[in-house]
Amino acid sequence: MALDSHIPYFRFVDKDLRDVSSQLRRYCKVHFKKDYILLRSIPGIGGIVACGIISELGDLRGFNNLKQLAGYVGLAPGIYQSGNNIRNTGITRCAHRLMRSYFIGAAWQAIRTDPVVQDYYRKHLGKNVKTIIVKIARKLLSRTLAVIKTEIPYVIGVIS
């Protein structure tokens, strides 16, 4: 009975979320049509993630290279250096956490839809899954920057 009393509230929240996301996608389609279509061509990046990239990162053409963008998003390697000692600490702690989570989520989707990414994931399957996903997210970030800078839609690769 308690769960049944909450169902109308859950339906209201679900409908509200759908309405807001539709308005957000519509806004991006109208005002940032070219970049939105280019981002949607990349496997793993859907409408909400494309809108998030456009709204949070702005024009990606402002980044000079992938290292600069990866450092901003938080998909750059973290390094601790003191004297002659150098240690890798995984990914950097300084990050745009929302964008990092968007690209991590998009990496999981890309594994399902892109054969090249699937093959990469299967080759490294015995290793730490989180490390593999971060590597795939960085590849996705690289694709994103390349697609926006060249203004050529992404074409899904074929494994030979």
N, C-alpha and C. Protein backbone atom coordinates (compact mmCIF):
# COMPACT_ATOMS: atom_id res chain seq x y z
N MET A 1 0.82 -1.19 0.00
CA MET A 1 0.00 0.00 0.00
C MET A 1 0.87 1.26 0.00
N ALA A 2 1.98 1.19 0.74
CA ALA A 2 2.85 2.36 0.80
C ALA A 2 3.46 2.64 -0.57
N LEU A 3 3.87 1.59 -1.28
CA LEU A 3 4.43 1.76 -2.61
C LEU A 3 3.38 2.28 -3.59
N ASP A 4 2.18 1.77 -3.49
CA ASP A 4 1.10 2.22 -4.37
C ASP A 4 0.80 3.71 -4.16
N SER A 5 0.97 4.21 -2.97
CA SER A 5 0.70 5.62 -2.72
C SER A 5 1.77 6.52 -3.35
N HIS A 6 2.97 5.99 -3.59
CA HIS A 6 4.05 6.78 -4.19
C HIS A 6 4.07 6.71 -5.71
N ILE A 7 3.36 5.80 -6.31
CA ILE A 7 3.41 5.63 -7.76
C ILE A 7 2.99 6.90 -8.51
N PRO A 8 1.92 7.61 -8.14
CA PRO A 8 1.59 8.85 -8.86
C PRO A 8 2.73 9.88 -8.79
N TYR A 9 3.42 9.97 -7.66
CA TYR A 9 4.54 10.90 -7.54
C TYR A 9 5.66 10.51 -8.48
N PHE A 10 5.99 9.22 -8.55
CA PHE A 10 7.05 8.75 -9.45
C PHE A 10 6.69 9.02 -10.90
N ARG A 11 5.43 8.83 -11.25
CA ARG A 11 5.00 9.12 -12.62
C ARG A 11 5.13 10.60 -12.93
N PHE A 12 4.78 11.45 -11.95
CA PHE A 12 4.91 12.90 -12.15
C PHE A 12 6.37 13.29 -12.37
N VAL A 13 7.27 12.76 -11.54
CA VAL A 13 8.69 13.08 -11.66
C VAL A 13 9.24 12.57 -12.99
N ASP A 14 8.85 11.36 -13.40
CA ASP A 14 9.29 10.81 -14.66
C ASP A 14 8.83 11.67 -15.83
N LYS A 15 7.56 12.10 -15.81
CA LYS A 15 7.03 12.94 -16.88
C LYS A 15 7.75 14.29 -16.90
N ASP A 16 8.00 14.86 -15.74
CA ASP A 16 8.70 16.14 -15.65
C ASP A 16 10.12 16.01 -16.21
N LEU A 17 10.81 14.93 -15.86
CA LEU A 17 12.16 14.70 -16.36
C LEU A 17 12.16 14.56 -17.88
N ARG A 18 11.21 13.83 -18.41
CA ARG A 18 11.11 13.67 -19.87
C ARG A 18 10.83 15.00 -20.56
N ASP A 19 9.97 15.82 -19.97
CA ASP A 19 9.66 17.13 -20.55
C ASP A 19 10.89 18.03 -20.58
N VAL A 20 11.61 18.09 -19.48
CA VAL A 20 12.80 18.94 -19.41
C VAL A 20 13.87 18.46 -20.38
N SER A 21 14.09 17.15 -20.47
CA SER A 21 15.10 16.65 -21.40
C SER A 21 14.70 16.89 -22.85
N SER A 22 13.41 16.81 -23.16
CA SER A 22 12.95 17.11 -24.53
C SER A 22 13.18 18.58 -24.86
N GLN A 23 12.89 19.46 -23.91
CA GLN A 23 13.12 20.88 -24.15
C GLN A 23 14.60 21.18 -24.33
N LEU A 24 15.44 20.52 -23.55
CA LEU A 24 16.88 20.72 -23.66
C LEU A 24 17.39 20.26 -25.02
N ARG A 25 16.97 19.08 -25.46
CA ARG A 25 17.38 18.58 -26.78
C ARG A 25 16.87 19.49 -27.89
N ARG A 26 15.64 19.95 -27.77
CA ARG A 26 15.06 20.85 -28.78
C ARG A 26 15.87 22.15 -28.86
N TYR A 27 16.24 22.70 -27.71
CA TYR A 27 17.03 23.93 -27.67
C TYR A 27 18.37 23.74 -28.37
N CYS A 28 19.04 22.61 -28.08
CA CYS A 28 20.34 22.35 -28.70
C CYS A 28 20.21 22.12 -30.21
N LYS A 29 19.12 21.47 -30.62
CA LYS A 29 18.91 21.25 -32.06
C LYS A 29 18.70 22.56 -32.81
N VAL A 30 18.09 23.52 -32.15
CA VAL A 30 17.82 24.79 -32.81
C VAL A 30 19.05 25.71 -32.80
N HIS A 31 19.68 25.87 -31.64
CA HIS A 31 20.74 26.86 -31.49
C HIS A 31 22.14 26.33 -31.78
N PHE A 32 22.36 25.03 -31.64
CA PHE A 32 23.69 24.44 -31.88
C PHE A 32 23.55 23.23 -32.81
N LYS A 33 22.80 23.40 -33.87
CA LYS A 33 22.41 22.27 -34.73
C LYS A 33 23.61 21.50 -35.27
N LYS A 34 24.59 22.22 -35.82
CA LYS A 34 25.73 21.55 -36.45
C LYS A 34 26.52 20.71 -35.43
N ASP A 35 26.87 21.32 -34.29
CA ASP A 35 27.64 20.60 -33.27
C ASP A 35 26.82 19.46 -32.67
N TYR A 36 25.54 19.67 -32.49
CA TYR A 36 24.66 18.63 -31.92
C TYR A 36 24.62 17.41 -32.85
N ILE A 37 24.46 17.64 -34.13
CA ILE A 37 24.42 16.52 -35.09
C ILE A 37 25.77 15.82 -35.16
N LEU A 38 26.85 16.58 -35.13
CA LEU A 38 28.19 15.97 -35.16
C LEU A 38 28.42 15.10 -33.92
N LEU A 39 28.03 15.60 -32.76
CA LEU A 39 28.22 14.82 -31.53
C LEU A 39 27.35 13.57 -31.52
N ARG A 40 26.14 13.67 -32.03
CA ARG A 40 25.24 12.52 -32.06
C ARG A 40 25.74 11.43 -33.01
N SER A 41 26.63 11.77 -33.94
CA SER A 41 27.15 10.76 -34.87
C SER A 41 28.13 9.80 -34.19
N ILE A 42 28.63 10.17 -33.03
CA ILE A 42 29.60 9.33 -32.30
C ILE A 42 28.84 8.27 -31.51
N PRO A 43 29.18 6.98 -31.68
CA PRO A 43 28.50 5.94 -30.92
C PRO A 43 28.73 6.13 -29.42
N GLY A 44 27.66 6.03 -28.65
CA GLY A 44 27.75 6.19 -27.21
C GLY A 44 27.27 7.55 -26.74
N ILE A 45 27.28 8.54 -27.63
CA ILE A 45 26.85 9.88 -27.25
C ILE A 45 25.43 10.08 -27.76
N GLY A 46 24.51 10.18 -26.81
CA GLY A 46 23.11 10.39 -27.14
C GLY A 46 22.74 11.86 -27.04
N GLY A 47 21.46 12.13 -27.07
CA GLY A 47 20.98 13.50 -27.06
C GLY A 47 21.30 14.26 -25.79
N ILE A 48 21.11 13.62 -24.65
CA ILE A 48 21.36 14.29 -23.37
C ILE A 48 22.85 14.56 -23.18
N VAL A 49 23.69 13.59 -23.51
CA VAL A 49 25.13 13.78 -23.36
C VAL A 49 25.62 14.85 -24.33
N ALA A 50 25.10 14.86 -25.56
CA ALA A 50 25.48 15.88 -26.53
C ALA A 50 25.11 17.27 -26.02
N CYS A 51 23.91 17.39 -25.46
CA CYS A 51 23.49 18.68 -24.88
C CYS A 51 24.38 19.07 -23.70
N GLY A 52 24.75 18.08 -22.89
CA GLY A 52 25.63 18.35 -21.76
C GLY A 52 27.00 18.82 -22.20
N ILE A 53 27.53 18.20 -23.24
CA ILE A 53 28.84 18.61 -23.76
C ILE A 53 28.77 20.04 -24.29
N ILE A 54 27.72 20.32 -25.05
CA ILE A 54 27.58 21.67 -25.62
C ILE A 54 27.40 22.71 -24.51
N SER A 55 26.57 22.41 -23.52
CA SER A 55 26.28 23.40 -22.49
C SER A 55 27.41 23.56 -21.48
N GLU A 56 28.08 22.47 -21.13
CA GLU A 56 29.12 22.54 -20.09
C GLU A 56 30.49 22.92 -20.65
N LEU A 57 30.84 22.43 -21.83
CA LEU A 57 32.16 22.70 -22.39
C LEU A 57 32.15 23.85 -23.39
N GLY A 58 30.98 24.19 -23.88
CA GLY A 58 30.91 25.28 -24.86
C GLY A 58 31.48 24.83 -26.20
N ASP A 59 32.17 25.73 -26.85
CA ASP A 59 32.76 25.42 -28.16
C ASP A 59 34.09 24.69 -27.95
N LEU A 60 34.14 23.44 -28.38
CA LEU A 60 35.35 22.63 -28.19
C LEU A 60 36.50 23.10 -29.07
N ARG A 61 36.22 23.95 -30.03
CA ARG A 61 37.29 24.46 -30.90
C ARG A 61 38.26 25.34 -30.13
N GLY A 62 37.87 25.77 -28.95
CA GLY A 62 38.74 26.60 -28.11
C GLY A 62 39.88 25.83 -27.45
N PHE A 63 39.77 24.50 -27.41
CA PHE A 63 40.84 23.69 -26.85
C PHE A 63 41.88 23.42 -27.93
N ASN A 64 43.15 23.62 -27.60
CA ASN A 64 44.21 23.47 -28.58
C ASN A 64 44.48 22.02 -28.95
N ASN A 65 44.41 21.12 -27.95
CA ASN A 65 44.71 19.72 -28.21
C ASN A 65 43.96 18.83 -27.23
N LEU A 66 44.13 17.52 -27.40
CA LEU A 66 43.43 16.55 -26.56
C LEU A 66 43.92 16.61 -25.12
N LYS A 67 45.20 16.85 -24.89
CA LYS A 67 45.73 16.91 -23.52
C LYS A 67 45.04 18.02 -22.72
N GLN A 68 44.83 19.14 -23.37
CA GLN A 68 44.19 20.26 -22.70
C GLN A 68 42.74 19.92 -22.34
N LEU A 69 42.01 19.33 -23.28
CA LEU A 69 40.63 18.95 -23.03
C LEU A 69 40.53 17.84 -21.99
N ALA A 70 41.41 16.84 -22.09
CA ALA A 70 41.40 15.72 -21.13
C ALA A 70 41.72 16.22 -19.73
N GLY A 71 42.61 17.17 -19.61
CA GLY A 71 42.92 17.75 -18.31
C GLY A 71 41.73 18.48 -17.72
N TYR A 72 40.99 19.18 -18.56
CA TYR A 72 39.81 19.91 -18.09
C TYR A 72 38.70 18.96 -17.67
N VAL A 73 38.47 17.92 -18.49
CA VAL A 73 37.39 16.97 -18.20
C VAL A 73 37.77 16.05 -17.04
N GLY A 74 39.05 15.76 -16.87
CA GLY A 74 39.49 14.90 -15.78
C GLY A 74 39.82 13.50 -16.23
N LEU A 75 40.14 13.34 -17.50
CA LEU A 75 40.54 12.03 -18.03
C LEU A 75 42.02 12.01 -18.37
N ALA A 76 42.78 12.87 -17.73
CA ALA A 76 44.23 12.90 -17.92
C ALA A 76 44.88 12.07 -16.82
N PRO A 77 46.04 11.49 -17.09
CA PRO A 77 46.71 10.71 -16.05
C PRO A 77 47.22 11.61 -14.92
N GLY A 78 47.04 11.14 -13.69
CA GLY A 78 47.56 11.86 -12.54
C GLY A 78 48.97 11.39 -12.25
N ILE A 79 49.86 12.32 -11.98
CA ILE A 79 51.27 11.98 -11.74
C ILE A 79 51.71 12.66 -10.45
N TYR A 80 52.37 11.89 -9.58
CA TYR A 80 52.98 12.45 -8.38
C TYR A 80 54.48 12.38 -8.58
N GLN A 81 55.16 13.53 -8.47
CA GLN A 81 56.59 13.57 -8.72
C GLN A 81 57.27 14.31 -7.58
N SER A 82 58.30 13.65 -7.01
CA SER A 82 59.07 14.27 -5.96
C SER A 82 60.52 13.83 -6.14
N GLY A 83 61.36 14.75 -6.52
CA GLY A 83 62.76 14.39 -6.76
C GLY A 83 62.86 13.43 -7.94
N ASN A 84 63.47 12.27 -7.70
CA ASN A 84 63.62 11.27 -8.75
C ASN A 84 62.44 10.30 -8.79
N ASN A 85 61.55 10.36 -7.80
CA ASN A 85 60.41 9.44 -7.74
C ASN A 85 59.25 9.97 -8.57
N ILE A 86 58.76 9.12 -9.43
CA ILE A 86 57.58 9.46 -10.24
C ILE A 86 56.59 8.33 -10.09
N ARG A 87 55.35 8.66 -9.69
CA ARG A 87 54.30 7.66 -9.55
C ARG A 87 53.07 8.08 -10.33
N ASN A 88 52.46 7.11 -11.02
CA ASN A 88 51.19 7.35 -11.67
C ASN A 88 50.08 7.10 -10.66
N THR A 89 49.13 8.02 -10.59
CA THR A 89 48.06 7.89 -9.60
C THR A 89 46.70 7.66 -10.25
N GLY A 90 46.68 7.08 -11.43
CA GLY A 90 45.41 6.89 -12.13
C GLY A 90 45.03 8.17 -12.83
N ILE A 91 43.74 8.51 -12.82
CA ILE A 91 43.32 9.76 -13.44
C ILE A 91 43.42 10.88 -12.42
N THR A 92 43.56 12.08 -12.94
CA THR A 92 43.74 13.24 -12.08
C THR A 92 42.50 13.49 -11.22
N ARG A 93 42.74 14.03 -10.05
CA ARG A 93 41.62 14.32 -9.14
C ARG A 93 40.92 15.61 -9.53
N CYS A 94 41.65 16.52 -10.16
CA CYS A 94 41.05 17.77 -10.62
C CYS A 94 40.23 17.46 -11.86
N ALA A 95 38.94 17.70 -11.80
CA ALA A 95 38.10 17.31 -12.92
C ALA A 95 36.81 18.08 -12.94
N HIS A 96 36.22 18.09 -14.09
CA HIS A 96 34.84 18.53 -14.25
C HIS A 96 34.02 17.25 -14.08
N ARG A 97 33.58 16.99 -12.87
CA ARG A 97 33.02 15.68 -12.52
C ARG A 97 31.81 15.29 -13.35
N LEU A 98 30.97 16.23 -13.69
CA LEU A 98 29.80 15.92 -14.50
C LEU A 98 30.22 15.44 -15.88
N MET A 99 31.19 16.14 -16.49
CA MET A 99 31.63 15.75 -17.83
C MET A 99 32.36 14.41 -17.79
N ARG A 100 33.14 14.19 -16.74
CA ARG A 100 33.81 12.90 -16.62
C ARG A 100 32.77 11.78 -16.54
N SER A 101 31.75 11.97 -15.75
CA SER A 101 30.73 10.93 -15.63
C SER A 101 29.96 10.75 -16.94
N TYR A 102 29.74 11.84 -17.68
CA TYR A 102 29.10 11.72 -18.99
C TYR A 102 29.92 10.84 -19.93
N PHE A 103 31.24 11.09 -19.96
CA PHE A 103 32.08 10.32 -20.88
C PHE A 103 32.26 8.87 -20.41
N ILE A 104 32.27 8.64 -19.11
CA ILE A 104 32.34 7.26 -18.61
C ILE A 104 31.06 6.52 -19.00
N GLY A 105 29.92 7.14 -18.82
CA GLY A 105 28.65 6.52 -19.23
C GLY A 105 28.58 6.29 -20.73
N ALA A 106 29.07 7.27 -21.49
CA ALA A 106 29.07 7.13 -22.94
C ALA A 106 30.02 6.00 -23.38
N ALA A 107 31.08 5.78 -22.62
CA ALA A 107 32.00 4.69 -22.94
C ALA A 107 31.31 3.34 -22.82
N TRP A 108 30.48 3.19 -21.78
CA TRP A 108 29.74 1.94 -21.63
C TRP A 108 28.78 1.73 -22.80
N GLN A 109 28.15 2.80 -23.25
CA GLN A 109 27.25 2.70 -24.40
C GLN A 109 28.02 2.40 -25.68
N ALA A 110 29.20 3.00 -25.82
CA ALA A 110 30.01 2.79 -27.02
C ALA A 110 30.46 1.34 -27.14
N ILE A 111 30.68 0.68 -26.01
CA ILE A 111 31.07 -0.73 -26.04
C ILE A 111 29.97 -1.56 -26.69
N ARG A 112 28.74 -1.18 -26.45
CA ARG A 112 27.61 -1.94 -27.01
C ARG A 112 27.37 -1.66 -28.48
N THR A 113 27.73 -0.46 -28.96
CA THR A 113 27.33 -0.06 -30.30
C THR A 113 28.45 0.00 -31.32
N ASP A 114 29.69 0.18 -30.89
CA ASP A 114 30.80 0.36 -31.84
C ASP A 114 31.68 -0.89 -31.85
N PRO A 115 31.81 -1.58 -32.99
CA PRO A 115 32.62 -2.80 -33.03
C PRO A 115 34.10 -2.59 -32.71
N VAL A 116 34.64 -1.45 -33.06
CA VAL A 116 36.06 -1.17 -32.77
C VAL A 116 36.27 -1.06 -31.26
N VAL A 117 35.36 -0.39 -30.58
CA VAL A 117 35.46 -0.24 -29.13
C VAL A 117 35.20 -1.59 -28.45
N GLN A 118 34.26 -2.36 -28.98
CA GLN A 118 34.01 -3.71 -28.45
C GLN A 118 35.27 -4.56 -28.52
N ASP A 119 35.96 -4.50 -29.66
CA ASP A 119 37.18 -5.28 -29.84
C ASP A 119 38.26 -4.83 -28.85
N TYR A 120 38.41 -3.53 -28.67
CA TYR A 120 39.38 -3.00 -27.71
C TYR A 120 39.06 -3.48 -26.30
N TYR A 121 37.78 -3.44 -25.94
CA TYR A 121 37.35 -3.87 -24.62
C TYR A 121 37.63 -5.36 -24.42
N ARG A 122 37.35 -6.17 -25.41
CA ARG A 122 37.58 -7.62 -25.30
C ARG A 122 39.06 -7.96 -25.22
N LYS A 123 39.92 -7.21 -25.90
CA LYS A 123 41.36 -7.46 -25.85
C LYS A 123 41.91 -7.25 -24.44
N HIS A 124 41.34 -6.29 -23.72
CA HIS A 124 41.84 -5.93 -22.39
C HIS A 124 40.95 -6.46 -21.27
N LEU A 125 40.13 -7.45 -21.55
CA LEU A 125 39.11 -7.89 -20.60
C LEU A 125 39.67 -8.46 -19.30
N GLY A 126 40.86 -9.02 -19.29
CA GLY A 126 41.41 -9.59 -18.07
C GLY A 126 41.90 -8.55 -17.08
N LYS A 127 42.04 -7.30 -17.51
CA LYS A 127 42.56 -6.24 -16.66
C LYS A 127 41.44 -5.61 -15.84
N ASN A 128 41.78 -4.60 -15.06
CA ASN A 128 40.82 -3.88 -14.24
C ASN A 128 39.79 -3.19 -15.15
N VAL A 129 38.52 -3.46 -14.94
CA VAL A 129 37.45 -2.95 -15.81
C VAL A 129 37.38 -1.42 -15.75
N LYS A 130 37.58 -0.85 -14.57
CA LYS A 130 37.52 0.60 -14.44
C LYS A 130 38.61 1.29 -15.26
N THR A 131 39.78 0.71 -15.28
CA THR A 131 40.88 1.26 -16.06
C THR A 131 40.57 1.21 -17.54
N ILE A 132 39.99 0.11 -17.99
CA ILE A 132 39.63 -0.03 -19.41
C ILE A 132 38.58 1.00 -19.79
N ILE A 133 37.59 1.20 -18.94
CA ILE A 133 36.52 2.15 -19.23
C ILE A 133 37.07 3.58 -19.31
N VAL A 134 38.00 3.91 -18.45
CA VAL A 134 38.60 5.25 -18.50
C VAL A 134 39.37 5.43 -19.81
N LYS A 135 40.07 4.38 -20.24
CA LYS A 135 40.79 4.47 -21.52
C LYS A 135 39.82 4.64 -22.68
N ILE A 136 38.70 3.93 -22.64
CA ILE A 136 37.70 4.06 -23.70
C ILE A 136 37.06 5.45 -23.65
N ALA A 137 36.83 5.97 -22.45
CA ALA A 137 36.26 7.31 -22.32
C ALA A 137 37.21 8.35 -22.91
N ARG A 138 38.50 8.15 -22.72
CA ARG A 138 39.47 9.09 -23.30
C ARG A 138 39.48 8.98 -24.83
N LYS A 139 39.34 7.75 -25.35
CA LYS A 139 39.23 7.59 -26.81
C LYS A 139 37.99 8.30 -27.32
N LEU A 140 36.90 8.20 -26.58
CA LEU A 140 35.66 8.87 -26.95
C LEU A 140 35.84 10.39 -26.92
N LEU A 141 36.57 10.88 -25.94
CA LEU A 141 36.87 12.30 -25.85
C LEU A 141 37.69 12.75 -27.05
N SER A 142 38.64 11.91 -27.44
CA SER A 142 39.46 12.20 -28.62
C SER A 142 38.60 12.27 -29.87
N ARG A 143 37.68 11.32 -30.02
CA ARG A 143 36.77 11.33 -31.17
C ARG A 143 35.92 12.59 -31.16
N THR A 144 35.45 12.96 -29.98
CA THR A 144 34.60 14.14 -29.86
C THR A 144 35.33 15.39 -30.34
N LEU A 145 36.54 15.57 -29.88
CA LEU A 145 37.32 16.74 -30.28
C LEU A 145 37.60 16.72 -31.78
N ALA A 146 37.94 15.55 -32.31
CA ALA A 146 38.25 15.45 -33.74
C ALA A 146 37.02 15.74 -34.59
N VAL A 147 35.87 15.22 -34.19
CA VAL A 147 34.65 15.44 -34.97
C VAL A 147 34.27 16.93 -34.97
N ILE A 148 34.39 17.58 -33.84
CA ILE A 148 34.02 19.00 -33.76
C ILE A 148 35.01 19.86 -34.54
N LYS A 149 36.30 19.56 -34.41
CA LYS A 149 37.30 20.40 -35.09
C LYS A 149 37.29 20.21 -36.60
N THR A 150 37.11 18.97 -37.07
CA THR A 150 37.11 18.73 -38.52
C THR A 150 35.74 18.96 -39.15
N GLU A 151 34.69 18.97 -38.32
CA GLU A 151 33.31 19.13 -38.77
C GLU A 151 32.89 18.04 -39.75
N ILE A 152 33.43 16.84 -39.56
CA ILE A 152 33.05 15.68 -40.35
C ILE A 152 32.41 14.67 -39.41
N PRO A 153 31.19 14.20 -39.70
CA PRO A 153 30.53 13.23 -38.81
C PRO A 153 31.35 11.95 -38.67
N TYR A 154 31.26 11.33 -37.51
CA TYR A 154 31.99 10.12 -37.23
C TYR A 154 31.36 8.96 -38.00
N VAL A 155 32.22 8.09 -38.55
CA VAL A 155 31.76 6.90 -39.26
C VAL A 155 32.24 5.70 -38.45
N ILE A 156 31.31 4.79 -38.16
CA ILE A 156 31.65 3.61 -37.36
C ILE A 156 32.61 2.73 -38.15
N GLY A 157 33.70 2.34 -37.50
CA GLY A 157 34.72 1.52 -38.13
C GLY A 157 34.31 0.07 -38.26
N VAL A 158 35.01 -0.65 -39.11
CA VAL A 158 34.76 -2.07 -39.33
C VAL A 158 36.03 -2.82 -38.96
N ILE A 159 35.87 -3.93 -38.25
CA ILE A 159 37.02 -4.73 -37.86
C ILE A 159 37.29 -5.73 -38.97
N SER A 160 38.55 -5.82 -39.39
CA SER A 160 38.87 -6.77 -40.47
C SER A 160 39.48 -8.03 -39.91
